[in-house]
Protein backbone atom coordinates (compact mmCIF):
# COMPACT_ATOMS: atom_id res chain seq x y z
CA UNK A 1 0.00 0.00 0.00
CA UNK A 2 1.47 3.36 -1.03
CA UNK A 3 0.47 6.33 1.13
CA UNK A 4 2.97 9.03 0.12
CA UNK A 5 1.02 10.80 -2.63
CA UNK A 6 -2.37 10.87 -0.90
CA UNK A 7 -0.96 11.95 2.46
CA UNK A 8 1.06 14.86 1.19
CA UNK A 9 -1.62 16.03 -1.21
CA UNK A 10 -4.02 16.17 1.71
CA UNK A 11 -1.46 18.03 3.82
CA UNK A 12 -0.97 20.70 1.16
CA UNK A 13 -4.68 20.93 0.32
CA UNK A 14 -5.65 21.46 3.97
CA UNK A 15 -2.92 24.02 4.50
CA UNK A 16 -3.93 25.93 1.36
CA UNK A 17 -7.59 26.01 2.39
CA UNK A 18 -6.67 27.43 5.78
CA UNK A 19 -4.54 30.23 4.32
CA UNK A 20 -7.14 31.05 1.67
CA UNK A 21 -9.95 31.31 4.19
CA UNK A 22 -8.10 33.54 6.68
CA UNK A 23 -5.72 35.48 4.42
CA UNK A 24 -2.84 34.97 6.85
CA UNK A 25 -1.90 32.56 9.61
CA UNK A 26 -1.67 33.95 13.17
CA UNK A 27 1.91 33.73 14.49
CA UNK A 28 0.91 31.10 17.07
CA UNK A 29 -0.63 28.91 14.35
CA UNK A 30 2.35 29.37 12.02
CA UNK A 31 4.70 28.23 14.78
CA UNK A 32 2.39 25.35 15.71
CA UNK A 33 2.18 24.33 12.05
CA UNK A 34 5.97 24.22 11.78
CA UNK A 35 6.18 22.17 14.97
CA UNK A 36 3.31 19.94 13.85
CA UNK A 37 5.01 19.04 10.58
CA UNK A 38 8.52 18.61 12.00
CA UNK A 39 8.01 17.21 15.51
CA UNK A 40 6.49 13.86 14.36
CA UNK A 41 9.37 13.53 11.87
CA UNK A 42 12.01 14.14 14.55
CA UNK A 43 10.36 11.84 17.09
CA UNK A 44 9.88 9.04 14.53
CA UNK A 45 13.52 9.47 13.49
CA UNK A 46 14.60 9.26 17.14
CA UNK A 47 12.71 5.96 17.47
CA UNK A 48 14.54 4.36 14.53
CA UNK A 49 17.32 2.77 16.68
CA UNK A 50 14.61 1.10 18.81
CA UNK A 51 12.17 0.07 16.06
CA UNK A 52 13.02 -3.62 16.20
CA UNK A 53 12.37 -3.78 19.97
CA UNK A 54 9.56 -1.21 20.34
CA UNK A 55 6.06 -2.47 19.61
CA UNK A 56 4.20 -0.60 16.90
CA UNK A 57 1.37 0.18 19.33
CA UNK A 58 3.75 1.87 21.79
CA UNK A 59 5.46 3.78 18.98
CA UNK A 60 2.06 4.96 17.73
CA UNK A 61 1.05 6.11 21.23
CA UNK A 62 4.29 8.11 21.52
CA UNK A 63 3.46 9.87 18.26
CA UNK A 64 -0.11 10.51 19.47
CA UNK A 65 1.32 12.34 22.49
CA UNK A 66 3.29 14.54 20.07
CA UNK A 67 0.08 15.28 18.15
CA UNK A 68 -1.71 16.22 21.38
CA UNK A 69 1.09 18.59 22.36
CA UNK A 70 0.91 20.29 18.96
CA UNK A 71 -2.89 20.56 19.12
CA UNK A 72 -2.58 22.20 22.53
CA UNK A 73 -0.43 24.92 20.94
CA UNK A 74 -2.38 25.42 17.74
CA UNK A 75 -5.79 24.96 16.19
CA UNK A 76 -7.87 21.91 15.24
CA UNK A 77 -6.49 22.16 11.70
CA UNK A 78 -2.91 22.18 12.96
CA UNK A 79 -3.67 19.15 15.12
CA UNK A 80 -5.09 17.29 12.13
CA UNK A 81 -2.01 18.17 10.07
CA UNK A 82 0.21 16.87 12.87
CA UNK A 83 -1.79 13.62 12.89
CA UNK A 84 -1.26 13.24 9.14
CA UNK A 85 2.45 13.95 9.54
CA UNK A 86 2.73 11.43 12.39
CA UNK A 87 1.00 8.72 10.32
CA UNK A 88 3.25 9.40 7.32
CA UNK A 89 6.53 9.27 9.27
CA UNK A 90 5.36 6.24 11.29
CA UNK A 91 4.88 4.50 7.94
CA UNK A 92 8.22 5.72 6.57
CA UNK A 93 10.52 5.02 9.52
CA UNK A 94 8.82 2.39 11.68
CA UNK A 95 7.08 -0.09 9.35
CA UNK A 96 8.63 -2.57 6.91
CA UNK A 97 9.96 -2.01 4.33
CA UNK A 98 11.76 0.77 6.18
CA UNK A 99 12.30 4.21 4.68
CA UNK A 100 9.61 3.84 2.05
CA UNK A 101 5.96 4.83 2.06
CA UNK A 102 4.93 1.25 1.30
CA UNK A 103 3.38 -1.09 3.87
CA UNK A 104 3.38 -4.84 3.29
CA UNK A 105 1.91 -6.17 6.56
CA UNK A 106 -1.84 -5.78 7.14
CA UNK A 107 -1.25 -5.24 10.87
CA UNK A 108 1.01 -2.28 10.05
CA UNK A 109 -1.67 -0.84 7.77
CA UNK A 110 -4.19 -1.09 10.61
CA UNK A 111 -1.81 0.53 13.11
CA UNK A 112 -1.06 3.40 10.71
CA UNK A 113 -4.76 4.03 10.10
CA UNK A 114 -5.47 3.88 13.83
CA UNK A 115 -2.61 6.29 14.51
CA UNK A 116 -4.15 8.77 12.08
CA UNK A 117 -7.67 8.23 13.44
CA UNK A 118 -6.71 8.47 17.11
CA UNK A 119 -4.38 11.40 16.42
CA UNK A 120 -7.19 13.37 14.79
CA UNK A 121 -9.70 12.49 17.55
CA UNK A 122 -7.34 13.36 20.38
CA UNK A 123 -6.13 16.54 18.66
CA UNK A 124 -9.74 17.74 18.45
CA UNK A 125 -10.16 16.90 22.13
CA UNK A 126 -6.97 18.78 22.94
CA UNK A 127 -8.15 21.82 20.96
CA UNK A 128 -11.47 21.73 22.81
CA UNK A 129 -9.67 21.48 26.13
CA UNK A 130 -7.37 24.39 25.21
CA UNK A 131 -10.38 26.58 24.54
CA UNK A 132 -11.69 25.66 27.98
CA UNK A 133 -8.26 26.42 29.47
CA UNK A 134 -7.90 22.97 31.05
CA UNK A 135 -5.19 20.33 30.90
CA UNK A 136 -5.16 18.42 27.61
CA UNK A 137 -5.37 14.67 27.44
CA UNK A 138 -1.81 13.38 27.63
CA UNK A 139 -2.40 10.71 30.28
CA UNK A 140 -1.29 7.36 28.86
CA UNK A 141 -4.28 5.53 30.36
CA UNK A 142 -6.75 7.91 28.69
CA UNK A 143 -4.94 7.63 25.37
CA UNK A 144 -4.99 3.85 25.63
CA UNK A 145 -8.76 3.86 26.21
CA UNK A 146 -9.34 5.93 23.08
CA UNK A 147 -6.93 3.76 21.08
CA UNK A 148 -8.54 0.51 22.25
CA UNK A 149 -12.01 1.76 21.40
CA UNK A 150 -10.98 3.01 17.96
CA UNK A 151 -9.33 -0.35 17.23
CA UNK A 152 -12.39 -2.29 18.39
CA UNK A 153 -14.76 -0.07 16.40
CA UNK A 154 -12.82 -1.00 13.25
CA UNK A 155 -12.54 -4.73 13.91
CA UNK A 156 -15.75 -5.64 15.79
CA UNK A 157 -18.36 -7.68 13.93
CA UNK A 158 -21.28 -5.99 15.70
CA UNK A 159 -22.01 -2.67 17.35
CA UNK A 160 -23.10 -4.53 20.50
CA UNK A 161 -19.45 -5.43 21.10
CA UNK A 162 -18.42 -1.77 20.94
CA UNK A 163 -21.28 -0.70 23.22
CA UNK A 164 -20.38 -3.31 25.84
CA UNK A 165 -16.72 -2.31 25.67
CA UNK A 166 -17.47 1.41 26.08
CA UNK A 167 -19.89 0.66 28.92
CA UNK A 168 -17.06 -1.02 30.82
CA UNK A 169 -14.60 1.75 29.94
CA UNK A 170 -17.01 4.44 31.19
CA UNK A 171 -17.64 2.57 34.43
CA UNK A 172 -13.92 2.39 35.16
CA UNK A 173 -13.07 5.86 33.84
CA UNK A 174 -15.78 7.72 35.80
CA UNK A 175 -15.96 5.43 38.84
CA UNK A 176 -19.61 4.59 38.15
CA UNK A 177 -21.85 2.33 40.18
CA UNK A 178 -23.73 1.24 37.06
CA UNK A 179 -23.74 2.07 33.36
CA UNK A 180 -26.29 0.87 30.83
CA UNK A 181 -26.98 1.65 27.20
CA UNK A 182 -30.48 2.70 26.16
CA UNK A 183 -31.64 2.78 22.57
CA UNK A 184 -34.89 4.40 21.47
CA UNK A 185 -36.95 7.50 22.03
CA UNK A 186 -35.67 9.91 24.65
CA UNK A 187 -37.75 9.57 27.80
CA UNK A 188 -37.57 12.03 30.68
CA UNK A 189 -35.09 14.83 31.19
CA UNK A 190 -32.21 13.49 33.30
CA UNK A 191 -29.05 15.59 33.72
CA UNK A 192 -26.91 15.31 30.59
CA UNK A 193 -23.14 15.16 30.21
CA UNK A 194 -22.30 17.69 27.49
CA UNK A 195 -19.48 17.96 24.95
CA UNK A 196 -17.55 20.39 27.16
CA UNK A 197 -17.64 18.01 30.15
CA UNK A 198 -20.26 19.95 32.08
CA UNK A 199 -23.60 18.53 33.26
CA UNK A 200 -26.86 20.30 32.45
CA UNK A 201 -28.78 21.89 35.27
CA UNK A 202 -26.11 21.55 37.94
CA UNK A 203 -22.53 22.41 38.76
CA UNK A 204 -22.14 19.22 40.80
CA UNK A 205 -21.93 15.55 39.79
CA UNK A 206 -25.52 14.25 40.21
CA UNK A 207 -26.21 11.12 42.21
CA UNK A 208 -29.18 10.26 40.00
CA UNK A 209 -28.72 8.89 36.49
CA UNK A 210 -26.88 11.08 33.97
CA UNK A 211 -27.32 10.61 30.24
CA UNK A 212 -24.47 10.63 27.74
CA UNK A 213 -25.89 10.71 24.23
CA UNK A 214 -24.43 9.09 21.14
CA UNK A 215 -24.88 10.38 17.60
CA UNK A 216 -24.01 8.88 14.23
CA UNK A 217 -24.16 10.76 10.94
CA UNK A 218 -25.78 13.66 12.77
CA UNK A 219 -28.65 11.54 14.15
CA UNK A 220 -29.39 10.56 17.75
CA UNK A 221 -28.86 6.80 18.15
CA UNK A 222 -28.89 6.09 21.87
CA UNK A 223 -27.52 7.08 25.24
CA UNK A 224 -25.45 5.71 28.07
CA UNK A 225 -27.18 6.08 31.44
CA UNK A 226 -24.55 6.71 34.11
CA UNK A 227 -25.04 6.25 37.85
CA UNK A 228 -22.31 7.86 39.96
CA UNK A 229 -20.31 5.76 42.39
CA UNK A 230 -19.26 6.66 45.93
CA UNK A 231 -15.92 8.15 44.88
CA UNK A 232 -14.94 11.76 44.11
CA UNK A 233 -16.34 13.75 41.18
CA UNK A 234 -14.56 12.66 37.97
CA UNK A 235 -12.08 15.30 36.76
CA UNK A 236 -12.94 17.31 33.67
CA UNK A 237 -10.28 15.51 31.63
CA UNK A 238 -11.95 12.15 32.34
CA UNK A 239 -15.37 13.56 31.41
CA UNK A 240 -14.01 14.84 28.09
CA UNK A 241 -12.58 11.40 27.37
CA UNK A 242 -15.99 9.90 28.21
CA UNK A 243 -17.61 12.17 25.62
CA UNK A 244 -15.02 11.06 23.06
CA UNK A 245 -15.77 7.38 23.78
CA UNK A 246 -19.47 8.07 23.29
CA UNK A 247 -18.67 9.74 19.96
CA UNK A 248 -16.73 6.65 18.89
CA UNK A 249 -19.72 4.49 19.88
CA UNK A 250 -21.99 6.68 17.77
CA UNK A 251 -19.71 6.22 14.78
CA UNK A 252 -19.83 2.41 15.24
CA UNK A 253 -23.62 2.45 15.60
CA UNK A 254 -24.00 4.67 12.56
CA UNK A 255 -22.02 2.17 10.49
CA UNK A 256 -23.38 -1.11 11.85
CA UNK A 257 -26.92 -0.06 12.71
CA UNK A 258 -28.68 0.47 16.05
CA UNK A 259 -28.29 -1.69 19.09
CA UNK A 260 -31.37 -2.80 20.94
CA UNK A 261 -31.17 -4.30 24.38
CA UNK A 262 -33.42 -7.24 24.86
């Protein structure tokens, strides 16, 4: 599989659209763009001596952290460009045959695609967090949750598998007592966990059920019903990751069709 032409065309097309729409890049974005295009290259190059011992998953997670750092400095577009750059240099330096943009192993193709997908998702999350002036998601455990879910969403034979996986991830991530998925018409008006990590109608973490909605292709598909556990209020970073996991569930449901509990 050759990725060189498509990747770099997309890089240049996205960059050109940004400049055309704004007339000029702000200094911060110009610096972030330079870092976003060069930092993944330098980090991937630094990993070359260890590429035979370092697993591809760990190498990809290292590059995702670089993408997150770039997204925290720049815009969503810069974060997406950094994700594209990271995927390209991961392919070039860390997959066989080395130092070409060809991939021969299907597992390496999957890892490269997941690196790009997770990099884009997490960069958007980082940009959202930067706007809220909170810490971006660089915690390895959070990144691993997003990576695992993205991988499962691509490989699972049914959406039920993804829903069950995310239900367990949310329970552990938010310290929930219970978590269930509900498909169908919205009933009642429970507190809702929003995209920015806040909960409607309260500044606290409700003890009653909280809904976390999932959407696919712009349509409501279902919701996770969360019941808080006895522990402390989940930090904002964890709540933002929870929203991202719900978004990934919505994408899986939108592709595979709705899940009905029975």
